[in-house]
Amino acid sequence: MKTLRCYPRLTSRRRRRWGGDEQGQSLLEFAIAAVALFTLVCGILEFSRYLYTYHFVSEATREATRYAAVRGYTFNGTSCTVYTPTGPGFFDCAATNTNVTNYVVSLAPTGINQTASAWVTSSTCSAASVTSPTVSTCWPETTPDSPSTVVTACASHSNSPGCYVQVEISYPYQFMIPFLPGGASTHTISSTSEEVIQQ
């Protein structure tokens, strides 16, 4: 009579090995999906930060130009000393480059560099890469009627009513994504605004 033999150990070993393979496959699939998901989330956050900074630079440029346009030479012969929105003398002085920079810094919200000493004041309005936040205010001594020729009235006092004032803000945006190449980790966001001086 023949006897039937069973090999339970061999069967259980095979089952354990197959189960281990399935767990490893699931772990690999999760790792691939997690990398893609985290990359997408980081990209959304970085893009949102960039738009936030761009919006500030754009809006602050317009506000600073308006600030300088209503504080021209004839408004008052004296220059503003310190930016104090509620202090005496704030609304009756002629704006200078430093005044415009201080005004821009006062507009900076959370997430934007609010340290006044970190901002650079410039009198040359030309877009360029910067390493520090820069506010450039210039009076090109031209008017809407003569946009490319220096006008005599503007040449004597460049911030006279009817003349142009131009403000440019350049802000070095620092990306937080760690795997960008060194040269691409910083991008300069710039905005320029020009307006006719009113008083």
N, C-alpha and C. Protein backbone atom coordinates (compact mmCIF):
# COMPACT_ATOMS: atom_id res chain seq x y z
N MET A 1 0.84 -1.18 0.00
CA MET A 1 0.00 0.00 0.00
C MET A 1 0.88 1.24 0.00
N LYS A 2 0.52 2.19 -0.87
CA LYS A 2 1.29 3.42 -0.97
C LYS A 2 0.79 4.45 0.03
N THR A 3 1.73 5.17 0.59
CA THR A 3 1.35 6.23 1.55
C THR A 3 1.53 7.59 0.91
N LEU A 4 0.65 8.49 1.27
CA LEU A 4 0.68 9.86 0.74
C LEU A 4 1.47 10.74 1.70
N ARG A 5 2.45 11.43 1.17
CA ARG A 5 3.28 12.29 2.01
C ARG A 5 2.98 13.78 1.71
N CYS A 6 2.95 14.55 2.74
CA CYS A 6 2.71 15.99 2.61
C CYS A 6 3.94 16.75 3.07
N TYR A 7 4.15 17.92 2.46
CA TYR A 7 5.29 18.75 2.84
C TYR A 7 4.79 20.14 3.27
N PRO A 8 4.28 20.21 4.47
CA PRO A 8 3.69 21.49 4.90
C PRO A 8 4.72 22.58 5.05
N ARG A 9 5.94 22.23 5.42
CA ARG A 9 6.97 23.26 5.61
C ARG A 9 7.30 23.95 4.29
N LEU A 10 7.43 23.16 3.24
CA LEU A 10 7.76 23.73 1.93
C LEU A 10 6.65 24.68 1.47
N THR A 11 5.40 24.27 1.65
CA THR A 11 4.27 25.11 1.25
C THR A 11 4.24 26.41 2.05
N SER A 12 4.46 26.33 3.36
CA SER A 12 4.42 27.54 4.18
C SER A 12 5.57 28.48 3.84
N ARG A 13 6.71 27.92 3.51
CA ARG A 13 7.84 28.77 3.13
C ARG A 13 7.53 29.53 1.85
N ARG A 14 6.95 28.83 0.90
CA ARG A 14 6.60 29.49 -0.35
C ARG A 14 5.60 30.63 -0.11
N ARG A 15 4.63 30.36 0.72
CA ARG A 15 3.63 31.39 1.00
C ARG A 15 4.25 32.60 1.67
N ARG A 16 5.16 32.37 2.60
CA ARG A 16 5.81 33.51 3.26
C ARG A 16 6.63 34.31 2.27
N ARG A 17 7.31 33.62 1.36
CA ARG A 17 8.13 34.31 0.38
C ARG A 17 7.27 35.14 -0.56
N TRP A 18 6.16 34.54 -1.01
CA TRP A 18 5.27 35.29 -1.89
C TRP A 18 4.67 36.51 -1.19
N GLY A 19 4.28 36.36 0.06
CA GLY A 19 3.74 37.49 0.81
C GLY A 19 4.77 38.59 0.98
N GLY A 20 6.03 38.23 1.23
CA GLY A 20 7.09 39.22 1.36
C GLY A 20 7.31 39.99 0.07
N ASP A 21 7.20 39.32 -1.07
CA ASP A 21 7.35 39.98 -2.37
C ASP A 21 6.26 41.02 -2.58
N GLU A 22 5.03 40.70 -2.19
CA GLU A 22 3.92 41.63 -2.36
C GLU A 22 4.08 42.86 -1.47
N GLN A 23 4.58 42.65 -0.26
CA GLN A 23 4.81 43.79 0.63
C GLN A 23 5.90 44.69 0.08
N GLY A 24 6.96 44.12 -0.46
CA GLY A 24 8.04 44.91 -1.05
C GLY A 24 7.57 45.70 -2.25
N GLN A 25 6.70 45.10 -3.06
CA GLN A 25 6.16 45.79 -4.22
C GLN A 25 5.30 46.98 -3.80
N SER A 26 4.48 46.79 -2.77
CA SER A 26 3.64 47.88 -2.27
C SER A 26 4.50 49.02 -1.73
N LEU A 27 5.58 48.68 -1.05
CA LEU A 27 6.47 49.69 -0.51
C LEU A 27 7.13 50.49 -1.62
N LEU A 28 7.54 49.80 -2.68
CA LEU A 28 8.16 50.47 -3.83
C LEU A 28 7.16 51.40 -4.52
N GLU A 29 5.94 50.93 -4.70
CA GLU A 29 4.91 51.76 -5.33
C GLU A 29 4.61 53.00 -4.50
N PHE A 30 4.55 52.84 -3.18
CA PHE A 30 4.30 53.99 -2.30
C PHE A 30 5.45 54.99 -2.38
N ALA A 31 6.68 54.49 -2.44
CA ALA A 31 7.84 55.38 -2.50
C ALA A 31 7.81 56.22 -3.78
N ILE A 32 7.48 55.59 -4.89
CA ILE A 32 7.42 56.32 -6.17
C ILE A 32 6.28 57.35 -6.13
N ALA A 33 5.12 56.95 -5.65
CA ALA A 33 3.98 57.86 -5.57
C ALA A 33 4.25 59.01 -4.60
N ALA A 34 4.92 58.71 -3.47
CA ALA A 34 5.20 59.75 -2.47
C ALA A 34 6.15 60.79 -3.02
N VAL A 35 7.17 60.36 -3.76
CA VAL A 35 8.12 61.32 -4.36
C VAL A 35 7.38 62.26 -5.31
N ALA A 36 6.52 61.70 -6.15
CA ALA A 36 5.75 62.52 -7.09
C ALA A 36 4.81 63.47 -6.35
N LEU A 37 4.15 62.97 -5.31
CA LEU A 37 3.21 63.80 -4.55
C LEU A 37 3.92 64.93 -3.83
N PHE A 38 5.02 64.63 -3.15
CA PHE A 38 5.75 65.67 -2.40
C PHE A 38 6.36 66.70 -3.35
N THR A 39 6.82 66.26 -4.51
CA THR A 39 7.34 67.20 -5.50
C THR A 39 6.25 68.15 -5.96
N LEU A 40 5.06 67.63 -6.20
CA LEU A 40 3.93 68.46 -6.62
C LEU A 40 3.55 69.46 -5.54
N VAL A 41 3.47 69.00 -4.29
CA VAL A 41 3.11 69.89 -3.18
C VAL A 41 4.15 70.99 -2.99
N CYS A 42 5.43 70.62 -3.03
CA CYS A 42 6.50 71.62 -2.89
C CYS A 42 6.46 72.63 -4.03
N GLY A 43 6.16 72.15 -5.24
CA GLY A 43 6.06 73.06 -6.39
C GLY A 43 4.92 74.05 -6.23
N ILE A 44 3.78 73.59 -5.73
CA ILE A 44 2.64 74.48 -5.50
C ILE A 44 2.98 75.53 -4.44
N LEU A 45 3.61 75.10 -3.36
CA LEU A 45 3.99 76.04 -2.30
C LEU A 45 5.00 77.07 -2.81
N GLU A 46 5.98 76.62 -3.57
CA GLU A 46 7.01 77.53 -4.08
C GLU A 46 6.40 78.54 -5.06
N PHE A 47 5.52 78.06 -5.93
CA PHE A 47 4.88 78.94 -6.89
C PHE A 47 4.01 79.98 -6.17
N SER A 48 3.34 79.56 -5.09
CA SER A 48 2.52 80.49 -4.31
C SER A 48 3.37 81.56 -3.66
N ARG A 49 4.52 81.18 -3.10
CA ARG A 49 5.45 82.15 -2.50
C ARG A 49 5.95 83.14 -3.54
N TYR A 50 6.25 82.64 -4.73
CA TYR A 50 6.74 83.50 -5.81
C TYR A 50 5.67 84.53 -6.20
N LEU A 51 4.43 84.07 -6.37
CA LEU A 51 3.35 85.00 -6.72
C LEU A 51 3.11 86.02 -5.62
N TYR A 52 3.23 85.60 -4.38
CA TYR A 52 3.07 86.50 -3.22
C TYR A 52 4.12 87.61 -3.28
N THR A 53 5.37 87.24 -3.54
CA THR A 53 6.45 88.23 -3.63
C THR A 53 6.27 89.12 -4.85
N TYR A 54 5.91 88.53 -5.98
CA TYR A 54 5.71 89.32 -7.19
C TYR A 54 4.60 90.35 -7.00
N HIS A 55 3.51 89.93 -6.36
CA HIS A 55 2.40 90.85 -6.12
C HIS A 55 2.84 92.03 -5.24
N PHE A 56 3.63 91.74 -4.20
CA PHE A 56 4.12 92.83 -3.34
C PHE A 56 4.99 93.79 -4.13
N VAL A 57 5.93 93.28 -4.90
CA VAL A 57 6.84 94.14 -5.67
C VAL A 57 6.05 95.02 -6.64
N SER A 58 5.10 94.41 -7.32
CA SER A 58 4.30 95.16 -8.30
C SER A 58 3.46 96.25 -7.63
N GLU A 59 2.77 95.89 -6.56
CA GLU A 59 1.91 96.86 -5.87
C GLU A 59 2.73 97.95 -5.17
N ALA A 60 3.83 97.57 -4.53
CA ALA A 60 4.67 98.54 -3.83
C ALA A 60 5.28 99.54 -4.80
N THR A 61 5.60 99.09 -6.01
CA THR A 61 6.15 100.01 -7.02
C THR A 61 5.13 101.08 -7.38
N ARG A 62 3.89 100.68 -7.59
CA ARG A 62 2.85 101.66 -7.92
C ARG A 62 2.60 102.62 -6.76
N GLU A 63 2.55 102.07 -5.54
CA GLU A 63 2.31 102.92 -4.37
C GLU A 63 3.47 103.90 -4.15
N ALA A 64 4.68 103.45 -4.33
CA ALA A 64 5.85 104.31 -4.13
C ALA A 64 5.90 105.41 -5.18
N THR A 65 5.51 105.09 -6.40
CA THR A 65 5.48 106.11 -7.45
C THR A 65 4.44 107.18 -7.13
N ARG A 66 3.30 106.75 -6.65
CA ARG A 66 2.27 107.70 -6.25
C ARG A 66 2.74 108.56 -5.08
N TYR A 67 3.44 107.93 -4.14
CA TYR A 67 3.98 108.65 -2.99
C TYR A 67 4.92 109.78 -3.45
N ALA A 68 5.79 109.47 -4.41
CA ALA A 68 6.74 110.48 -4.90
C ALA A 68 6.05 111.52 -5.78
N ALA A 69 5.00 111.11 -6.51
CA ALA A 69 4.33 112.02 -7.44
C ALA A 69 3.56 113.12 -6.73
N VAL A 70 3.10 112.88 -5.52
CA VAL A 70 2.35 113.91 -4.79
C VAL A 70 3.24 114.65 -3.78
N ARG A 71 4.54 114.42 -3.84
CA ARG A 71 5.49 115.12 -2.97
C ARG A 71 6.63 115.68 -3.82
N GLY A 72 6.25 116.52 -4.78
CA GLY A 72 7.22 117.12 -5.67
C GLY A 72 7.86 118.37 -5.07
N TYR A 73 8.62 119.07 -5.92
CA TYR A 73 9.41 120.21 -5.46
C TYR A 73 8.55 121.35 -4.91
N THR A 74 7.44 121.65 -5.56
CA THR A 74 6.63 122.79 -5.13
C THR A 74 5.69 122.47 -3.97
N PHE A 75 5.59 121.20 -3.62
CA PHE A 75 4.71 120.85 -2.50
C PHE A 75 5.24 121.49 -1.23
N ASN A 76 6.55 121.40 -1.03
CA ASN A 76 7.23 122.06 0.07
C ASN A 76 8.73 121.96 -0.21
N GLY A 77 9.46 122.98 0.05
CA GLY A 77 10.88 122.97 -0.26
C GLY A 77 11.70 122.05 0.61
N THR A 78 11.16 121.60 1.72
CA THR A 78 11.95 120.77 2.63
C THR A 78 11.76 119.29 2.28
N SER A 79 12.75 118.49 2.63
CA SER A 79 12.68 117.05 2.38
C SER A 79 12.10 116.33 3.59
N CYS A 80 11.43 115.21 3.34
CA CYS A 80 10.90 114.41 4.43
C CYS A 80 12.09 113.81 5.18
N THR A 81 12.01 113.77 6.49
CA THR A 81 13.14 113.26 7.27
C THR A 81 12.99 111.78 7.57
N VAL A 82 11.94 111.40 8.27
CA VAL A 82 11.72 110.01 8.64
C VAL A 82 10.29 109.64 8.28
N TYR A 83 10.13 108.39 7.83
CA TYR A 83 8.78 107.96 7.48
C TYR A 83 7.96 107.72 8.75
N THR A 84 7.04 108.64 9.01
CA THR A 84 6.11 108.51 10.14
C THR A 84 4.72 108.86 9.62
N PRO A 85 3.91 107.85 9.32
CA PRO A 85 2.61 108.11 8.68
C PRO A 85 1.72 109.08 9.42
N THR A 86 1.81 109.12 10.74
CA THR A 86 0.93 109.99 11.51
C THR A 86 1.68 111.16 12.13
N GLY A 87 2.96 111.22 11.88
CA GLY A 87 3.77 112.27 12.51
C GLY A 87 3.64 113.60 11.79
N PRO A 88 4.05 114.68 12.43
CA PRO A 88 4.00 116.01 11.80
C PRO A 88 5.01 116.10 10.66
N GLY A 89 4.63 116.79 9.62
CA GLY A 89 5.53 117.00 8.50
C GLY A 89 5.51 115.91 7.46
N PHE A 90 4.74 114.85 7.68
CA PHE A 90 4.75 113.74 6.72
C PHE A 90 4.10 114.13 5.40
N PHE A 91 3.08 114.95 5.45
CA PHE A 91 2.36 115.28 4.23
C PHE A 91 2.78 116.63 3.63
N ASP A 92 3.80 117.28 4.16
CA ASP A 92 4.18 118.58 3.61
C ASP A 92 5.68 118.64 3.35
N CYS A 93 6.19 117.63 2.63
CA CYS A 93 7.61 117.62 2.32
C CYS A 93 7.85 116.99 0.96
N ALA A 94 8.97 117.33 0.34
CA ALA A 94 9.34 116.78 -0.97
C ALA A 94 10.07 115.46 -0.77
N ALA A 95 9.64 114.43 -1.47
CA ALA A 95 10.21 113.09 -1.30
C ALA A 95 11.58 112.98 -1.94
N THR A 96 12.46 112.25 -1.28
CA THR A 96 13.79 111.95 -1.81
C THR A 96 13.89 110.44 -2.04
N ASN A 97 15.02 110.00 -2.58
CA ASN A 97 15.22 108.57 -2.82
C ASN A 97 15.07 107.76 -1.54
N THR A 98 15.69 108.26 -0.47
CA THR A 98 15.64 107.55 0.81
C THR A 98 14.22 107.50 1.36
N ASN A 99 13.46 108.58 1.20
CA ASN A 99 12.07 108.59 1.66
C ASN A 99 11.24 107.53 0.96
N VAL A 100 11.44 107.40 -0.35
CA VAL A 100 10.69 106.41 -1.12
C VAL A 100 11.06 105.00 -0.66
N THR A 101 12.33 104.75 -0.42
CA THR A 101 12.76 103.43 0.06
C THR A 101 12.14 103.12 1.41
N ASN A 102 12.16 104.09 2.33
CA ASN A 102 11.56 103.87 3.65
C ASN A 102 10.07 103.60 3.54
N TYR A 103 9.43 104.27 2.60
CA TYR A 103 8.00 104.05 2.39
C TYR A 103 7.73 102.62 1.90
N VAL A 104 8.57 102.15 0.98
CA VAL A 104 8.41 100.78 0.46
C VAL A 104 8.61 99.76 1.58
N VAL A 105 9.63 99.98 2.41
CA VAL A 105 9.89 99.05 3.52
C VAL A 105 8.69 99.01 4.47
N SER A 106 8.05 100.16 4.67
CA SER A 106 6.89 100.20 5.57
C SER A 106 5.71 99.42 5.01
N LEU A 107 5.69 99.21 3.70
CA LEU A 107 4.60 98.45 3.07
C LEU A 107 4.83 96.95 3.11
N ALA A 108 6.06 96.53 3.42
CA ALA A 108 6.42 95.10 3.34
C ALA A 108 5.60 94.27 4.32
N PRO A 109 4.90 93.24 3.83
CA PRO A 109 4.11 92.37 4.71
C PRO A 109 4.98 91.24 5.27
N THR A 110 4.38 90.37 6.03
CA THR A 110 5.07 89.20 6.56
C THR A 110 5.56 88.32 5.41
N GLY A 111 6.78 87.86 5.51
CA GLY A 111 7.35 87.04 4.45
C GLY A 111 8.27 87.82 3.53
N ILE A 112 8.19 89.15 3.60
CA ILE A 112 9.06 90.03 2.81
C ILE A 112 10.05 90.67 3.78
N ASN A 113 11.27 90.86 3.34
CA ASN A 113 12.30 91.44 4.20
C ASN A 113 11.85 92.82 4.70
N GLN A 114 11.69 92.94 6.01
CA GLN A 114 11.21 94.19 6.61
C GLN A 114 12.33 94.95 7.32
N THR A 115 13.56 94.51 7.17
CA THR A 115 14.70 95.19 7.79
C THR A 115 15.14 96.33 6.90
N ALA A 116 15.00 97.56 7.39
CA ALA A 116 15.31 98.74 6.58
C ALA A 116 16.76 98.75 6.12
N SER A 117 17.68 98.29 6.98
CA SER A 117 19.10 98.32 6.63
C SER A 117 19.44 97.33 5.52
N ALA A 118 18.57 96.35 5.26
CA ALA A 118 18.83 95.37 4.21
C ALA A 118 18.46 95.89 2.82
N TRP A 119 17.67 96.96 2.77
CA TRP A 119 17.24 97.52 1.49
C TRP A 119 18.25 98.54 1.00
N VAL A 120 18.48 98.55 -0.30
CA VAL A 120 19.44 99.46 -0.93
C VAL A 120 18.68 100.56 -1.65
N THR A 121 19.15 101.80 -1.49
CA THR A 121 18.56 102.94 -2.18
C THR A 121 19.44 103.29 -3.36
N SER A 122 18.83 103.44 -4.54
CA SER A 122 19.59 103.75 -5.74
C SER A 122 18.91 104.88 -6.50
N SER A 123 19.71 105.63 -7.23
CA SER A 123 19.16 106.72 -8.06
C SER A 123 19.25 106.37 -9.53
N THR A 124 19.63 105.15 -9.85
CA THR A 124 19.72 104.68 -11.23
C THR A 124 18.61 103.69 -11.49
N CYS A 125 17.72 104.03 -12.41
CA CYS A 125 16.60 103.15 -12.73
C CYS A 125 16.96 102.28 -13.93
N SER A 126 17.49 101.12 -13.66
CA SER A 126 17.81 100.17 -14.72
C SER A 126 17.69 98.77 -14.13
N ALA A 127 16.88 97.94 -14.77
CA ALA A 127 16.64 96.59 -14.26
C ALA A 127 17.92 95.77 -14.32
N ALA A 128 18.27 95.14 -13.22
CA ALA A 128 19.46 94.30 -13.15
C ALA A 128 19.29 93.29 -12.03
N SER A 129 20.12 92.26 -12.07
CA SER A 129 20.10 91.29 -10.98
C SER A 129 20.68 91.92 -9.73
N VAL A 130 20.05 91.69 -8.61
CA VAL A 130 20.49 92.29 -7.36
C VAL A 130 20.66 91.20 -6.32
N THR A 131 21.48 91.47 -5.32
CA THR A 131 21.67 90.54 -4.22
C THR A 131 20.92 91.02 -2.98
N SER A 132 20.48 92.27 -2.96
CA SER A 132 19.71 92.83 -1.86
C SER A 132 18.49 93.54 -2.43
N PRO A 133 17.40 93.62 -1.67
CA PRO A 133 16.23 94.37 -2.15
C PRO A 133 16.62 95.81 -2.45
N THR A 134 16.25 96.29 -3.62
CA THR A 134 16.69 97.61 -4.07
C THR A 134 15.51 98.43 -4.54
N VAL A 135 15.48 99.70 -4.10
CA VAL A 135 14.48 100.65 -4.58
C VAL A 135 15.22 101.75 -5.32
N SER A 136 14.94 101.88 -6.61
CA SER A 136 15.57 102.90 -7.44
C SER A 136 14.53 103.96 -7.77
N THR A 137 14.82 105.19 -7.37
CA THR A 137 13.92 106.31 -7.67
C THR A 137 14.70 107.32 -8.49
N CYS A 138 14.15 107.70 -9.63
CA CYS A 138 14.84 108.67 -10.46
C CYS A 138 13.82 109.62 -11.09
N TRP A 139 14.30 110.79 -11.36
CA TRP A 139 13.52 111.84 -12.01
C TRP A 139 14.19 112.10 -13.35
N PRO A 140 13.68 111.55 -14.45
CA PRO A 140 14.37 111.61 -15.75
C PRO A 140 14.36 112.99 -16.43
N GLU A 141 13.75 113.99 -15.79
CA GLU A 141 13.73 115.37 -16.32
C GLU A 141 13.02 115.47 -17.66
N THR A 142 11.98 114.63 -17.82
CA THR A 142 11.17 114.68 -19.03
C THR A 142 9.70 114.83 -18.66
N THR A 143 8.88 115.13 -19.66
CA THR A 143 7.44 115.32 -19.45
C THR A 143 6.67 114.45 -20.45
N PRO A 144 5.35 114.30 -20.27
CA PRO A 144 4.56 113.54 -21.25
C PRO A 144 4.62 114.14 -22.65
N ASP A 145 4.73 115.47 -22.74
CA ASP A 145 4.81 116.12 -24.05
C ASP A 145 6.18 115.93 -24.70
N SER A 146 7.19 115.69 -23.89
CA SER A 146 8.55 115.53 -24.39
C SER A 146 9.22 114.37 -23.66
N PRO A 147 8.79 113.13 -23.95
CA PRO A 147 9.26 111.98 -23.18
C PRO A 147 10.72 111.60 -23.41
N SER A 148 11.31 112.07 -24.51
CA SER A 148 12.69 111.68 -24.80
C SER A 148 13.67 112.85 -24.75
N THR A 149 13.17 114.06 -24.46
CA THR A 149 14.04 115.25 -24.43
C THR A 149 13.95 115.89 -23.05
N VAL A 150 15.10 116.30 -22.53
CA VAL A 150 15.13 116.97 -21.24
C VAL A 150 14.47 118.34 -21.36
N VAL A 151 13.54 118.61 -20.46
CA VAL A 151 12.81 119.87 -20.46
C VAL A 151 13.50 120.83 -19.49
N THR A 152 13.57 122.12 -19.86
CA THR A 152 14.28 123.10 -19.04
C THR A 152 13.72 123.18 -17.63
N ALA A 153 12.39 123.20 -17.51
CA ALA A 153 11.77 123.30 -16.19
C ALA A 153 12.13 122.09 -15.33
N CYS A 154 12.24 120.93 -15.95
CA CYS A 154 12.59 119.72 -15.20
C CYS A 154 14.09 119.66 -14.91
N ALA A 155 14.88 120.29 -15.78
CA ALA A 155 16.33 120.27 -15.57
C ALA A 155 16.72 121.08 -14.35
N SER A 156 16.01 122.19 -14.11
CA SER A 156 16.33 123.01 -12.95
C SER A 156 15.91 122.34 -11.65
N HIS A 157 14.72 121.72 -11.67
CA HIS A 157 14.23 120.94 -10.52
C HIS A 157 13.57 119.70 -11.10
N SER A 158 14.26 118.57 -11.03
CA SER A 158 13.78 117.36 -11.68
C SER A 158 12.47 116.83 -11.09
N ASN A 159 12.18 117.24 -9.87
CA ASN A 159 10.92 116.78 -9.24
C ASN A 159 9.85 117.86 -9.26
N SER A 160 9.87 118.71 -10.28
CA SER A 160 8.85 119.75 -10.43
C SER A 160 7.55 119.14 -10.97
N PRO A 161 6.41 119.76 -10.67
CA PRO A 161 5.13 119.27 -11.20
C PRO A 161 5.16 119.25 -12.73
N GLY A 162 4.57 118.22 -13.30
CA GLY A 162 4.55 118.06 -14.75
C GLY A 162 5.68 117.18 -15.26
N CYS A 163 6.69 116.95 -14.44
CA CYS A 163 7.81 116.10 -14.84
C CYS A 163 7.54 114.66 -14.39
N TYR A 164 8.27 113.75 -14.98
CA TYR A 164 8.10 112.34 -14.64
C TYR A 164 8.90 111.96 -13.39
N VAL A 165 8.37 111.01 -12.64
CA VAL A 165 9.12 110.33 -11.58
C VAL A 165 8.98 108.84 -11.86
N GLN A 166 10.07 108.13 -11.71
CA GLN A 166 10.09 106.70 -12.00
C GLN A 166 10.63 105.93 -10.80
N VAL A 167 9.94 104.88 -10.43
CA VAL A 167 10.37 104.03 -9.31
C VAL A 167 10.49 102.60 -9.81
N GLU A 168 11.59 101.97 -9.45
CA GLU A 168 11.79 100.57 -9.81
C GLU A 168 12.21 99.79 -8.56
N ILE A 169 11.54 98.69 -8.31
CA ILE A 169 11.88 97.83 -7.18
C ILE A 169 12.40 96.51 -7.72
N SER A 170 13.54 96.09 -7.22
CA SER A 170 14.13 94.80 -7.58
C SER A 170 14.30 93.99 -6.30
N TYR A 171 13.74 92.79 -6.31
CA TYR A 171 13.76 91.96 -5.09
C TYR A 171 14.34 90.59 -5.43
N PRO A 172 15.42 90.18 -4.76
CA PRO A 172 15.99 88.85 -5.03
C PRO A 172 15.17 87.76 -4.35
N TYR A 173 14.48 86.99 -5.15
CA TYR A 173 13.65 85.91 -4.61
C TYR A 173 14.50 84.66 -4.43
N GLN A 174 14.47 84.10 -3.24
CA GLN A 174 15.25 82.90 -2.91
C GLN A 174 14.35 81.68 -2.93
N PHE A 175 14.61 80.76 -3.87
CA PHE A 175 13.83 79.53 -3.93
C PHE A 175 14.17 78.63 -2.75
N MET A 176 13.17 77.92 -2.23
CA MET A 176 13.38 77.01 -1.11
C MET A 176 13.55 75.57 -1.56
N ILE A 177 13.30 75.29 -2.85
CA ILE A 177 13.47 73.93 -3.36
C ILE A 177 14.95 73.58 -3.33
N PRO A 178 15.33 72.49 -2.65
CA PRO A 178 16.74 72.21 -2.42
C PRO A 178 17.51 71.67 -3.62
N PHE A 179 16.82 71.08 -4.61
CA PHE A 179 17.55 70.41 -5.68
C PHE A 179 17.74 71.26 -6.93
N LEU A 180 17.53 72.59 -6.82
CA LEU A 180 17.81 73.46 -7.95
C LEU A 180 19.31 73.70 -8.05
N PRO A 181 19.85 73.90 -9.26
CA PRO A 181 21.27 74.24 -9.38
C PRO A 181 21.58 75.57 -8.71
N GLY A 182 22.84 75.78 -8.34
CA GLY A 182 23.23 76.98 -7.59
C GLY A 182 22.83 78.28 -8.26
N GLY A 183 23.01 78.41 -9.56
CA GLY A 183 22.68 79.65 -10.25
C GLY A 183 21.19 79.92 -10.36
N ALA A 184 20.38 78.86 -10.23
CA ALA A 184 18.93 79.02 -10.38
C ALA A 184 18.21 79.17 -9.05
N SER A 185 18.94 79.18 -7.94
CA SER A 185 18.29 79.24 -6.63
C SER A 185 17.79 80.64 -6.28
N THR A 186 18.25 81.67 -7.00
CA THR A 186 17.81 83.06 -6.77
C THR A 186 17.35 83.67 -8.09
N HIS A 187 16.23 84.37 -8.02
CA HIS A 187 15.70 85.05 -9.21
C HIS A 187 15.29 86.47 -8.82
N THR A 188 15.69 87.45 -9.62
CA THR A 188 15.36 88.84 -9.33
C THR A 188 13.99 89.19 -9.91
N ILE A 189 13.08 89.62 -9.02
CA ILE A 189 11.76 90.08 -9.44
C ILE A 189 11.81 91.60 -9.50
N SER A 190 11.48 92.18 -10.64
CA SER A 190 11.56 93.62 -10.82
C SER A 190 10.24 94.18 -11.33
N SER A 191 9.95 95.41 -10.94
CA SER A 191 8.77 96.11 -11.42
C SER A 191 9.10 97.60 -11.51
N THR A 192 8.60 98.23 -12.56
CA THR A 192 8.87 99.65 -12.79
C THR A 192 7.56 100.40 -12.99
N SER A 193 7.47 101.58 -12.40
CA SER A 193 6.28 102.41 -12.57
C SER A 193 6.71 103.85 -12.78
N GLU A 194 5.96 104.55 -13.60
CA GLU A 194 6.29 105.95 -13.90
C GLU A 194 5.00 106.77 -13.83
N GLU A 195 5.13 107.97 -13.27
CA GLU A 195 3.95 108.83 -13.12
C GLU A 195 4.37 110.29 -13.19
N VAL A 196 3.44 111.12 -13.57
CA VAL A 196 3.70 112.56 -13.65
C VAL A 196 3.53 113.18 -12.26
N ILE A 197 4.48 113.99 -11.86
CA ILE A 197 4.43 114.64 -10.55
C ILE A 197 3.28 115.65 -10.54
N GLN A 198 2.45 115.57 -9.50
CA GLN A 198 1.26 116.40 -9.42
C GLN A 198 1.49 117.71 -8.66
N GLN A 199 2.33 117.67 -7.63
CA GLN A 199 2.55 118.90 -6.84
C GLN A 199 3.89 118.84 -6.15
